[in-house]
């Protein structure tokens, strides 16, 4: 049954319309402009074109699912309160999928909006919603100023978000809203930010690079496993790469081997050109003030 589902998905991707779109998705994921990808541009620019390409695939997979209900679709998905996403294809840094807002989450007076560093194109295939188009116009690090424009979107409307300073927030869904979403992440994406729209405060930041996020989870896992033999590796990770994974690696290195961790912390603090230098200096001062013995941290477990 599982093999039948996988073969059905592969057959769909070989059909003329979808195969051309996937071919151009690969070009788009490799850096081509959307204007250079005729079929892909038409897909997210005209509802009729999107339905003509996507509907045969969905009908085929639905028939297959009814015939083999115990098999799992070989497609990535996510599902949470009010929002569901089914990834239809991915090539390089580009993804294409269906996003559904089902209106099950009540509107909040203090919404938090997410600003990922990605180029996104959406076309509404069914339903509609009241949304706010958001753009960060002033960035002060921990606080931003967001320009907000309310608009109504319905079947056939397009939503385009250009970069990490653009986002949109769904205020109210009329029934359900289904969109076809095309997205592309840059080569060196800026951190994804979550912003409290009422105050402009940045409440959370996360790496915009999927690979770095995986590394960050690996680093955290080594710490939870108490793998002291990984301390040299963690010290190396703390010296290069994205700031988020470097800081996580430093913390775990301090916990697993305080002597090596303190050496790495001092190295970061002494390099004024390092983006983490000020944070490292602050942490170093706090640790030494609270635990003076850390100035001579040879072989000592970290109590911080």
C-alpha atoms as a PDB file:
ATOM      1  CA  UNK A   1       0.000   0.000   0.000  1.00  0.00           C
ATOM      2  CA  UNK A   2       2.805   2.392   0.849  1.00  0.00           C
ATOM      3  CA  UNK A   3       4.532   1.639  -2.434  1.00  0.00           C
ATOM      4  CA  UNK A   4       1.284   2.295  -4.326  1.00  0.00           C
ATOM      5  CA  UNK A   5       0.968   5.737  -2.738  1.00  0.00           C
ATOM      6  CA  UNK A   6       4.589   6.618  -3.531  1.00  0.00           C
ATOM      7  CA  UNK A   7       4.191   5.484  -7.148  1.00  0.00           C
ATOM      8  CA  UNK A   8       1.008   7.554  -7.488  1.00  0.00           C
ATOM      9  CA  UNK A   9       2.834  10.689  -6.310  1.00  0.00           C
ATOM     10  CA  UNK A  10       5.721  10.003  -8.699  1.00  0.00           C
ATOM     11  CA  UNK A  11       3.279   9.505 -11.612  1.00  0.00           C
ATOM     12  CA  UNK A  12       1.662  12.851 -10.831  1.00  0.00           C
ATOM     13  CA  UNK A  13       5.021  14.624 -10.880  1.00  0.00           C
ATOM     14  CA  UNK A  14       5.770  13.161 -14.330  1.00  0.00           C
ATOM     15  CA  UNK A  15       2.617  14.625 -15.904  1.00  0.00           C
ATOM     16  CA  UNK A  16       3.337  17.435 -18.364  1.00  0.00           C
ATOM     17  CA  UNK A  17       1.977  20.394 -16.412  1.00  0.00           C
ATOM     18  CA  UNK A  18       3.408  19.474 -13.030  1.00  0.00           C
ATOM     19  CA  UNK A  19       6.721  18.187 -14.389  1.00  0.00           C
ATOM     20  CA  UNK A  20       7.373  21.535 -16.069  1.00  0.00           C
ATOM     21  CA  UNK A  21       6.495  23.401 -12.892  1.00  0.00           C
ATOM     22  CA  UNK A  22       8.830  21.201 -10.831  1.00  0.00           C
ATOM     23  CA  UNK A  23      11.604  21.707 -13.375  1.00  0.00           C
ATOM     24  CA  UNK A  24      11.241  25.460 -13.043  1.00  0.00           C
ATOM     25  CA  UNK A  25      10.970  25.103  -9.251  1.00  0.00           C
ATOM     26  CA  UNK A  26      14.484  23.666  -9.359  1.00  0.00           C
ATOM     27  CA  UNK A  27      15.693  26.690 -11.355  1.00  0.00           C
ATOM     28  CA  UNK A  28      13.917  29.034  -8.936  1.00  0.00           C
ATOM     29  CA  UNK A  29      15.468  27.225  -5.974  1.00  0.00           C
ATOM     30  CA  UNK A  30      18.895  27.627  -7.568  1.00  0.00           C
ATOM     31  CA  UNK A  31      18.488  31.419  -7.799  1.00  0.00           C
ATOM     32  CA  UNK A  32      16.593  32.154 -11.032  1.00  0.00           C
ATOM     33  CA  UNK A  33      14.170  35.071 -10.980  1.00  0.00           C
ATOM     34  CA  UNK A  34      10.484  34.201 -11.017  1.00  0.00           C
ATOM     35  CA  UNK A  35      10.108  36.144 -14.278  1.00  0.00           C
ATOM     36  CA  UNK A  36      12.491  33.624 -15.868  1.00  0.00           C
ATOM     37  CA  UNK A  37      10.203  30.714 -14.868  1.00  0.00           C
ATOM     38  CA  UNK A  38       7.144  31.105 -17.098  1.00  0.00           C
ATOM     39  CA  UNK A  39       5.099  28.132 -15.856  1.00  0.00           C
ATOM     40  CA  UNK A  40       5.900  28.821 -12.209  1.00  0.00           C
ATOM     41  CA  UNK A  41       5.040  32.507 -12.543  1.00  0.00           C
ATOM     42  CA  UNK A  42       1.716  31.625 -14.177  1.00  0.00           C
ATOM     43  CA  UNK A  43       1.017  29.077 -11.424  1.00  0.00           C
ATOM     44  CA  UNK A  44       1.106  31.681  -8.624  1.00  0.00           C
ATOM     45  CA  UNK A  45      -0.327  34.479 -10.749  1.00  0.00           C
ATOM     46  CA  UNK A  46      -3.520  32.969 -12.143  1.00  0.00           C
ATOM     47  CA  UNK A  47      -6.002  30.833 -10.233  1.00  0.00           C
ATOM     48  CA  UNK A  48      -7.059  28.886 -13.361  1.00  0.00           C
ATOM     49  CA  UNK A  49      -3.452  27.914 -14.079  1.00  0.00           C
ATOM     50  CA  UNK A  50      -2.905  26.823 -10.478  1.00  0.00           C
ATOM     51  CA  UNK A  51      -6.030  24.668 -10.454  1.00  0.00           C
ATOM     52  CA  UNK A  52      -5.170  23.104 -13.833  1.00  0.00           C
ATOM     53  CA  UNK A  53      -1.788  21.948 -12.528  1.00  0.00           C
ATOM     54  CA  UNK A  54      -2.579  21.070  -8.900  1.00  0.00           C
ATOM     55  CA  UNK A  55      -6.101  19.599  -9.083  1.00  0.00           C
ATOM     56  CA  UNK A  56      -5.215  16.438 -11.109  1.00  0.00           C
ATOM     57  CA  UNK A  57      -2.529  15.575  -8.563  1.00  0.00           C
ATOM     58  CA  UNK A  58      -4.876  16.048  -5.613  1.00  0.00           C
ATOM     59  CA  UNK A  59      -7.650  14.006  -7.236  1.00  0.00           C
ATOM     60  CA  UNK A  60      -5.217  11.175  -7.997  1.00  0.00           C
ATOM     61  CA  UNK A  61      -3.808  11.113  -4.470  1.00  0.00           C
ATOM     62  CA  UNK A  62      -7.276  11.272  -2.897  1.00  0.00           C
ATOM     63  CA  UNK A  63      -8.411   8.270  -4.969  1.00  0.00           C
ATOM     64  CA  UNK A  64      -5.284   6.396  -3.953  1.00  0.00           C
ATOM     65  CA  UNK A  65      -5.826   7.268  -0.303  1.00  0.00           C
ATOM     66  CA  UNK A  66      -9.365   5.897  -0.410  1.00  0.00           C
ATOM     67  CA  UNK A  67      -8.087   2.667  -1.975  1.00  0.00           C
ATOM     68  CA  UNK A  68      -5.227   2.288   0.528  1.00  0.00           C
ATOM     69  CA  UNK A  69      -6.376   4.134   3.672  1.00  0.00           C
ATOM     70  CA  UNK A  70      -3.619   2.704   5.897  1.00  0.00           C
ATOM     71  CA  UNK A  71      -0.801   4.090   3.727  1.00  0.00           C
ATOM     72  CA  UNK A  72       0.777   7.474   4.434  1.00  0.00           C
ATOM     73  CA  UNK A  73       1.157  10.126   1.780  1.00  0.00           C
ATOM     74  CA  UNK A  74       4.832  10.620   0.998  1.00  0.00           C
ATOM     75  CA  UNK A  75       4.523  14.399   1.442  1.00  0.00           C
ATOM     76  CA  UNK A  76       5.764  16.612   4.249  1.00  0.00           C
ATOM     77  CA  UNK A  77       3.103  18.396   6.235  1.00  0.00           C
ATOM     78  CA  UNK A  78       2.482  20.399   9.373  1.00  0.00           C
ATOM     79  CA  UNK A  79      -0.735  20.932  11.257  1.00  0.00           C
ATOM     80  CA  UNK A  80      -1.670  23.110  14.187  1.00  0.00           C
ATOM     81  CA  UNK A  81      -4.591  25.105  15.592  1.00  0.00           C
ATOM     82  CA  UNK A  82      -6.066  27.060  12.708  1.00  0.00           C
ATOM     83  CA  UNK A  83      -3.337  26.331  10.163  1.00  0.00           C
ATOM     84  CA  UNK A  84      -2.268  23.350   8.043  1.00  0.00           C
ATOM     85  CA  UNK A  85       0.369  23.017   5.309  1.00  0.00           C
ATOM     86  CA  UNK A  86       1.009  20.252   2.765  1.00  0.00           C
ATOM     87  CA  UNK A  87       4.288  20.429   0.831  1.00  0.00           C
ATOM     88  CA  UNK A  88       3.791  19.310  -2.758  1.00  0.00           C
ATOM     89  CA  UNK A  89       7.374  19.730  -3.991  1.00  0.00           C
ATOM     90  CA  UNK A  90      10.754  21.089  -2.911  1.00  0.00           C
ATOM     91  CA  UNK A  91      13.875  21.836  -4.929  1.00  0.00           C
ATOM     92  CA  UNK A  92      16.955  23.497  -3.505  1.00  0.00           C
ATOM     93  CA  UNK A  93      15.881  26.469  -1.407  1.00  0.00           C
ATOM     94  CA  UNK A  94      12.377  26.597  -2.938  1.00  0.00           C
ATOM     95  CA  UNK A  95       9.183  24.893  -1.772  1.00  0.00           C
ATOM     96  CA  UNK A  96       5.640  24.721  -3.126  1.00  0.00           C
ATOM     97  CA  UNK A  97       2.600  23.655  -1.147  1.00  0.00           C
ATOM     98  CA  UNK A  98      -0.972  24.180  -0.021  1.00  0.00           C
ATOM     99  CA  UNK A  99      -1.700  26.320   3.040  1.00  0.00           C
ATOM    100  CA  UNK A 100      -5.080  26.156   4.762  1.00  0.00           C
ATOM    101  CA  UNK A 101      -6.401  28.617   7.352  1.00  0.00           C
ATOM    102  CA  UNK A 102      -9.507  27.007   8.823  1.00  0.00           C
ATOM    103  CA  UNK A 103     -10.662  29.864  11.062  1.00  0.00           C
ATOM    104  CA  UNK A 104     -10.668  27.710  14.186  1.00  0.00           C
ATOM    105  CA  UNK A 105      -8.396  30.053  16.142  1.00  0.00           C
ATOM    106  CA  UNK A 106     -10.185  33.176  17.456  1.00  0.00           C
ATOM    107  CA  UNK A 107      -8.735  36.565  16.564  1.00  0.00           C
ATOM    108  CA  UNK A 108      -6.488  38.054  19.239  1.00  0.00           C
ATOM    109  CA  UNK A 109      -6.175  41.709  20.182  1.00  0.00           C
ATOM    110  CA  UNK A 110      -2.387  41.368  20.658  1.00  0.00           C
ATOM    111  CA  UNK A 111      -1.195  39.245  17.718  1.00  0.00           C
ATOM    112  CA  UNK A 112       2.364  38.085  17.159  1.00  0.00           C
ATOM    113  CA  UNK A 113       3.553  38.086  13.537  1.00  0.00           C
ATOM    114  CA  UNK A 114       6.403  36.020  12.097  1.00  0.00           C
ATOM    115  CA  UNK A 115       8.925  37.583   9.702  1.00  0.00           C
ATOM    116  CA  UNK A 116      10.962  34.853   7.953  1.00  0.00           C
ATOM    117  CA  UNK A 117      13.690  35.848   5.500  1.00  0.00           C
ATOM    118  CA  UNK A 118      12.035  34.372   2.423  1.00  0.00           C
ATOM    119  CA  UNK A 119      10.461  35.413  -0.851  1.00  0.00           C
ATOM    120  CA  UNK A 120       6.845  34.216  -0.846  1.00  0.00           C
ATOM    121  CA  UNK A 121       4.087  34.178  -3.457  1.00  0.00           C
ATOM    122  CA  UNK A 122       0.571  32.982  -2.618  1.00  0.00           C
ATOM    123  CA  UNK A 123      -2.592  32.727  -4.683  1.00  0.00           C
ATOM    124  CA  UNK A 124      -5.966  32.160  -3.024  1.00  0.00           C
ATOM    125  CA  UNK A 125      -7.648  29.033  -4.423  1.00  0.00           C
ATOM    126  CA  UNK A 126     -10.723  28.982  -2.181  1.00  0.00           C
ATOM    127  CA  UNK A 127     -12.354  31.073   0.527  1.00  0.00           C
ATOM    128  CA  UNK A 128     -11.132  34.413   1.731  1.00  0.00           C
ATOM    129  CA  UNK A 129      -9.874  36.365   4.713  1.00  0.00           C
ATOM    130  CA  UNK A 130      -9.150  39.756   6.157  1.00  0.00           C
ATOM    131  CA  UNK A 131      -5.383  40.124   6.429  1.00  0.00           C
ATOM    132  CA  UNK A 132      -2.866  42.759   7.442  1.00  0.00           C
ATOM    133  CA  UNK A 133       0.083  43.360   5.132  1.00  0.00           C
ATOM    134  CA  UNK A 134       3.054  44.120   7.390  1.00  0.00           C
ATOM    135  CA  UNK A 135       6.361  45.819   6.669  1.00  0.00           C
ATOM    136  CA  UNK A 136       9.156  46.679   9.105  1.00  0.00           C
ATOM    137  CA  UNK A 137      10.110  50.306   8.443  1.00  0.00           C
ATOM    138  CA  UNK A 138      12.426  50.895  11.425  1.00  0.00           C
ATOM    139  CA  UNK A 139      14.612  48.230  13.043  1.00  0.00           C
ATOM    140  CA  UNK A 140      16.210  48.933  16.432  1.00  0.00           C
ATOM    141  CA  UNK A 141      17.222  45.356  17.171  1.00  0.00           C
ATOM    142  CA  UNK A 142      14.945  44.321  20.021  1.00  0.00           C
ATOM    143  CA  UNK A 143      12.136  46.617  18.872  1.00  0.00           C
ATOM    144  CA  UNK A 144      10.808  47.453  15.409  1.00  0.00           C
ATOM    145  CA  UNK A 145       8.265  49.797  13.855  1.00  0.00           C
ATOM    146  CA  UNK A 146       5.767  47.997  11.639  1.00  0.00           C
ATOM    147  CA  UNK A 147       3.621  49.597   8.952  1.00  0.00           C
ATOM    148  CA  UNK A 148       0.257  47.812   8.775  1.00  0.00           C
ATOM    149  CA  UNK A 149      -2.260  47.777   5.914  1.00  0.00           C
ATOM    150  CA  UNK A 150      -5.564  45.918   6.182  1.00  0.00           C
ATOM    151  CA  UNK A 151      -6.916  44.255   3.047  1.00  0.00           C
ATOM    152  CA  UNK A 152      -9.494  41.649   2.090  1.00  0.00           C
ATOM    153  CA  UNK A 153      -8.351  38.729  -0.082  1.00  0.00           C
ATOM    154  CA  UNK A 154     -10.644  36.351  -1.944  1.00  0.00           C
ATOM    155  CA  UNK A 155     -10.395  33.570  -4.492  1.00  0.00           C
ATOM    156  CA  UNK A 156      -7.979  34.525  -7.262  1.00  0.00           C
ATOM    157  CA  UNK A 157      -6.133  37.218  -5.278  1.00  0.00           C
ATOM    158  CA  UNK A 158      -2.335  37.148  -4.971  1.00  0.00           C
ATOM    159  CA  UNK A 159      -0.161  37.892  -1.942  1.00  0.00           C
ATOM    160  CA  UNK A 160       3.522  38.716  -2.499  1.00  0.00           C
ATOM    161  CA  UNK A 161       6.052  39.064   0.332  1.00  0.00           C
ATOM    162  CA  UNK A 162       9.530  40.076  -0.733  1.00  0.00           C
ATOM    163  CA  UNK A 163      11.953  39.610   2.187  1.00  0.00           C
ATOM    164  CA  UNK A 164      12.558  39.443   5.939  1.00  0.00           C
ATOM    165  CA  UNK A 165      10.952  42.860   6.480  1.00  0.00           C
ATOM    166  CA  UNK A 166       7.619  41.739   4.985  1.00  0.00           C
ATOM    167  CA  UNK A 167       4.935  39.504   6.417  1.00  0.00           C
ATOM    168  CA  UNK A 168       1.206  39.177   6.645  1.00  0.00           C
ATOM    169  CA  UNK A 169      -1.157  38.372   9.470  1.00  0.00           C
ATOM    170  CA  UNK A 170      -4.544  36.698   8.993  1.00  0.00           C
ATOM    171  CA  UNK A 171      -7.020  38.703  11.039  1.00  0.00           C
ATOM    172  CA  UNK A 172     -10.269  36.909  10.236  1.00  0.00           C
ATOM    173  CA  UNK A 173     -11.013  33.927   7.997  1.00  0.00           C
ATOM    174  CA  UNK A 174     -14.317  33.765   6.157  1.00  0.00           C
ATOM    175  CA  UNK A 175     -15.055  30.029   6.377  1.00  0.00           C
ATOM    176  CA  UNK A 176     -11.704  28.638   5.241  1.00  0.00           C
ATOM    177  CA  UNK A 177      -8.935  30.053   3.090  1.00  0.00           C
ATOM    178  CA  UNK A 178      -6.823  27.764   0.893  1.00  0.00           C
ATOM    179  CA  UNK A 179      -3.750  29.155  -0.849  1.00  0.00           C
ATOM    180  CA  UNK A 180      -1.034  27.761  -3.082  1.00  0.00           C
ATOM    181  CA  UNK A 181       2.269  28.993  -1.673  1.00  0.00           C
ATOM    182  CA  UNK A 182       5.623  29.309  -3.407  1.00  0.00           C
ATOM    183  CA  UNK A 183       8.548  30.223  -1.148  1.00  0.00           C
ATOM    184  CA  UNK A 184      12.296  30.587  -1.486  1.00  0.00           C
ATOM    185  CA  UNK A 185      14.857  31.107   1.271  1.00  0.00           C
ATOM    186  CA  UNK A 186      18.021  33.090   0.507  1.00  0.00           C
ATOM    187  CA  UNK A 187      21.553  31.676   0.562  1.00  0.00           C
ATOM    188  CA  UNK A 188      22.360  33.384   3.863  1.00  0.00           C
ATOM    189  CA  UNK A 189      18.976  34.085   5.446  1.00  0.00           C
ATOM    190  CA  UNK A 190      18.624  36.561   8.269  1.00  0.00           C
ATOM    191  CA  UNK A 191      17.083  35.261  11.532  1.00  0.00           C
ATOM    192  CA  UNK A 192      13.352  34.696  11.604  1.00  0.00           C
ATOM    193  CA  UNK A 193      11.741  37.190  13.980  1.00  0.00           C
ATOM    194  CA  UNK A 194       8.476  37.060  15.891  1.00  0.00           C
ATOM    195  CA  UNK A 195       7.133  40.524  16.635  1.00  0.00           C
ATOM    196  CA  UNK A 196       4.418  41.609  19.061  1.00  0.00           C
ATOM    197  CA  UNK A 197       2.437  43.937  16.814  1.00  0.00           C
ATOM    198  CA  UNK A 198       0.983  45.977  19.650  1.00  0.00           C
ATOM    199  CA  UNK A 199       4.358  47.039  21.064  1.00  0.00           C
ATOM    200  CA  UNK A 200       6.782  46.310  18.205  1.00  0.00           C
ATOM    201  CA  UNK A 201       8.888  44.200  20.579  1.00  0.00           C
ATOM    202  CA  UNK A 202      10.828  41.296  19.048  1.00  0.00           C
ATOM    203  CA  UNK A 203       9.745  38.430  21.288  1.00  0.00           C
ATOM    204  CA  UNK A 204      11.727  35.641  19.633  1.00  0.00           C
ATOM    205  CA  UNK A 205      14.486  35.067  17.082  1.00  0.00           C
ATOM    206  CA  UNK A 206      15.474  31.828  15.378  1.00  0.00           C
ATOM    207  CA  UNK A 207      17.972  30.903  12.697  1.00  0.00           C
ATOM    208  CA  UNK A 208      16.549  31.283   9.215  1.00  0.00           C
ATOM    209  CA  UNK A 209      18.838  28.522   7.971  1.00  0.00           C
ATOM    210  CA  UNK A 210      17.313  25.037   8.239  1.00  0.00           C
ATOM    211  CA  UNK A 211      20.732  23.373   8.353  1.00  0.00           C
ATOM    212  CA  UNK A 212      21.851  25.630  11.209  1.00  0.00           C
ATOM    213  CA  UNK A 213      18.659  24.818  13.099  1.00  0.00           C
ATOM    214  CA  UNK A 214      19.482  21.128  12.737  1.00  0.00           C
ATOM    215  CA  UNK A 215      22.995  21.781  14.068  1.00  0.00           C
ATOM    216  CA  UNK A 216      21.537  23.717  16.988  1.00  0.00           C
ATOM    217  CA  UNK A 217      19.337  20.751  17.909  1.00  0.00           C
ATOM    218  CA  UNK A 218      22.320  18.390  17.607  1.00  0.00           C
ATOM    219  CA  UNK A 219      24.364  20.602  19.907  1.00  0.00           C
ATOM    220  CA  UNK A 220      21.553  20.715  22.475  1.00  0.00           C
ATOM    221  CA  UNK A 221      21.162  16.937  22.291  1.00  0.00           C
ATOM    222  CA  UNK A 222      24.884  16.390  22.984  1.00  0.00           C
ATOM    223  CA  UNK A 223      24.474  18.553  26.058  1.00  0.00           C
ATOM    224  CA  UNK A 224      21.423  16.660  27.298  1.00  0.00           C
ATOM    225  CA  UNK A 225      23.313  13.376  26.778  1.00  0.00           C
ATOM    226  CA  UNK A 226      26.170  14.802  28.912  1.00  0.00           C
ATOM    227  CA  UNK A 227      28.693  13.886  26.216  1.00  0.00           C
ATOM    228  CA  UNK A 228      31.793  15.468  27.759  1.00  0.00           C
ATOM    229  CA  UNK A 229      33.875  13.955  24.944  1.00  0.00           C
ATOM    230  CA  UNK A 230      32.043  16.326  22.561  1.00  0.00           C
ATOM    231  CA  UNK A 231      33.387  19.459  24.277  1.00  0.00           C
ATOM    232  CA  UNK A 232      36.256  19.996  21.765  1.00  0.00           C
ATOM    233  CA  UNK A 233      33.790  19.740  18.885  1.00  0.00           C
ATOM    234  CA  UNK A 234      31.433  22.182  20.581  1.00  0.00           C
ATOM    235  CA  UNK A 235      34.323  24.599  21.139  1.00  0.00           C
ATOM    236  CA  UNK A 236      35.061  24.470  17.399  1.00  0.00           C
ATOM    237  CA  UNK A 237      31.395  25.048  16.543  1.00  0.00           C
ATOM    238  CA  UNK A 238      31.351  28.098  18.845  1.00  0.00           C
ATOM    239  CA  UNK A 239      34.126  29.749  16.818  1.00  0.00           C
ATOM    240  CA  UNK A 240      32.460  29.865  13.387  1.00  0.00           C
ATOM    241  CA  UNK A 241      29.047  29.754  11.716  1.00  0.00           C
ATOM    242  CA  UNK A 242      25.729  31.342  12.626  1.00  0.00           C
ATOM    243  CA  UNK A 243      25.435  33.281  15.865  1.00  0.00           C
ATOM    244  CA  UNK A 244      22.564  31.188  17.264  1.00  0.00           C
ATOM    245  CA  UNK A 245      24.278  27.809  16.903  1.00  0.00           C
ATOM    246  CA  UNK A 246      27.618  29.262  18.090  1.00  0.00           C
ATOM    247  CA  UNK A 247      26.064  30.602  21.294  1.00  0.00           C
ATOM    248  CA  UNK A 248      24.254  27.334  21.948  1.00  0.00           C
ATOM    249  CA  UNK A 249      27.519  25.413  21.407  1.00  0.00           C
ATOM    250  CA  UNK A 250      29.345  27.714  23.846  1.00  0.00           C
ATOM    251  CA  UNK A 251      26.717  27.155  26.545  1.00  0.00           C
ATOM    252  CA  UNK A 252      26.865  23.385  26.160  1.00  0.00           C
ATOM    253  CA  UNK A 253      30.670  23.435  26.108  1.00  0.00           C
ATOM    254  CA  UNK A 254      30.704  25.362  29.393  1.00  0.00           C
ATOM    255  CA  UNK A 255      28.404  22.792  30.973  1.00  0.00           C
ATOM    256  CA  UNK A 256      30.363  19.758  29.731  1.00  0.00           C
ATOM    257  CA  UNK A 257      33.941  21.003  30.191  1.00  0.00           C
ATOM    258  CA  UNK A 258      34.172  24.278  32.069  1.00  0.00           C
ATOM    259  CA  UNK A 259      37.890  24.761  31.488  1.00  0.00           C
ATOM    260  CA  UNK A 260      37.552  24.455  27.715  1.00  0.00           C
ATOM    261  CA  UNK A 261      34.330  26.448  27.756  1.00  0.00           C
ATOM    262  CA  UNK A 262      35.925  29.335  29.661  1.00  0.00           C
ATOM    263  CA  UNK A 263      38.865  29.374  27.241  1.00  0.00           C
ATOM    264  CA  UNK A 264      36.429  29.592  24.330  1.00  0.00           C
ATOM    265  CA  UNK A 265      34.390  32.273  26.101  1.00  0.00           C
ATOM    266  CA  UNK A 266      37.510  34.395  26.676  1.00  0.00           C
ATOM    267  CA  UNK A 267      38.494  34.005  23.015  1.00  0.00           C
ATOM    268  CA  UNK A 268      35.106  35.285  21.859  1.00  0.00           C
ATOM    269  CA  UNK A 269      35.121  38.122  24.394  1.00  0.00           C
ATOM    270  CA  UNK A 270      38.569  39.337  23.324  1.00  0.00           C
ATOM    271  CA  UNK A 271      37.713  39.583  19.611  1.00  0.00           C
ATOM    272  CA  UNK A 272      35.981  42.946  19.166  1.00  0.00           C
ATOM    273  CA  UNK A 273      35.151  42.091  15.536  1.00  0.00           C
ATOM    274  CA  UNK A 274      33.138  39.038  16.592  1.00  0.00           C
ATOM    275  CA  UNK A 275      29.335  39.669  16.638  1.00  0.00           C
ATOM    276  CA  UNK A 276      29.164  37.690  19.895  1.00  0.00           C
ATOM    277  CA  UNK A 277      31.944  39.659  21.602  1.00  0.00           C
ATOM    278  CA  UNK A 278      29.706  41.942  23.697  1.00  0.00           C
ATOM    279  CA  UNK A 279      27.493  39.036  24.787  1.00  0.00           C
ATOM    280  CA  UNK A 280      30.569  36.967  25.631  1.00  0.00           C
ATOM    281  CA  UNK A 281      32.047  39.808  27.708  1.00  0.00           C
ATOM    282  CA  UNK A 282      28.791  40.216  29.603  1.00  0.00           C
ATOM    283  CA  UNK A 283      28.554  36.484  30.319  1.00  0.00           C
ATOM    284  CA  UNK A 284      32.222  36.311  31.324  1.00  0.00           C
ATOM    285  CA  UNK A 285      31.780  39.167  33.819  1.00  0.00           C
ATOM    286  CA  UNK A 286      28.635  37.601  35.285  1.00  0.00           C
ATOM    287  CA  UNK A 287      30.230  34.173  35.726  1.00  0.00           C
ATOM    288  CA  UNK A 288      33.457  35.442  37.297  1.00  0.00           C
ATOM    289  CA  UNK A 289      31.558  37.803  39.607  1.00  0.00           C
ATOM    290  CA  UNK A 290      29.277  35.038  40.832  1.00  0.00           C
ATOM    291  CA  UNK A 291      31.866  32.251  40.809  1.00  0.00           C
ATOM    292  CA  UNK A 292      35.361  33.783  41.337  1.00  0.00           C
ATOM    293  CA  UNK A 293      36.885  30.311  41.161  1.00  0.00           C
ATOM    294  CA  UNK A 294      36.054  30.231  37.428  1.00  0.00           C
ATOM    295  CA  UNK A 295      39.100  32.424  36.840  1.00  0.00           C
ATOM    296  CA  UNK A 296      40.996  29.194  37.535  1.00  0.00           C
ATOM    297  CA  UNK A 297      38.515  26.777  35.959  1.00  0.00           C
ATOM    298  CA  UNK A 298      40.821  23.819  35.327  1.00  0.00           C
ATOM    299  CA  UNK A 299      38.814  20.569  35.575  1.00  0.00           C
ATOM    300  CA  UNK A 300      35.945  22.245  37.385  1.00  0.00           C
ATOM    301  CA  UNK A 301      32.235  21.454  36.729  1.00  0.00           C
ATOM    302  CA  UNK A 302      30.184  24.484  35.724  1.00  0.00           C
ATOM    303  CA  UNK A 303      27.823  25.616  38.517  1.00  0.00           C
ATOM    304  CA  UNK A 304      26.184  28.364  36.441  1.00  0.00           C
END
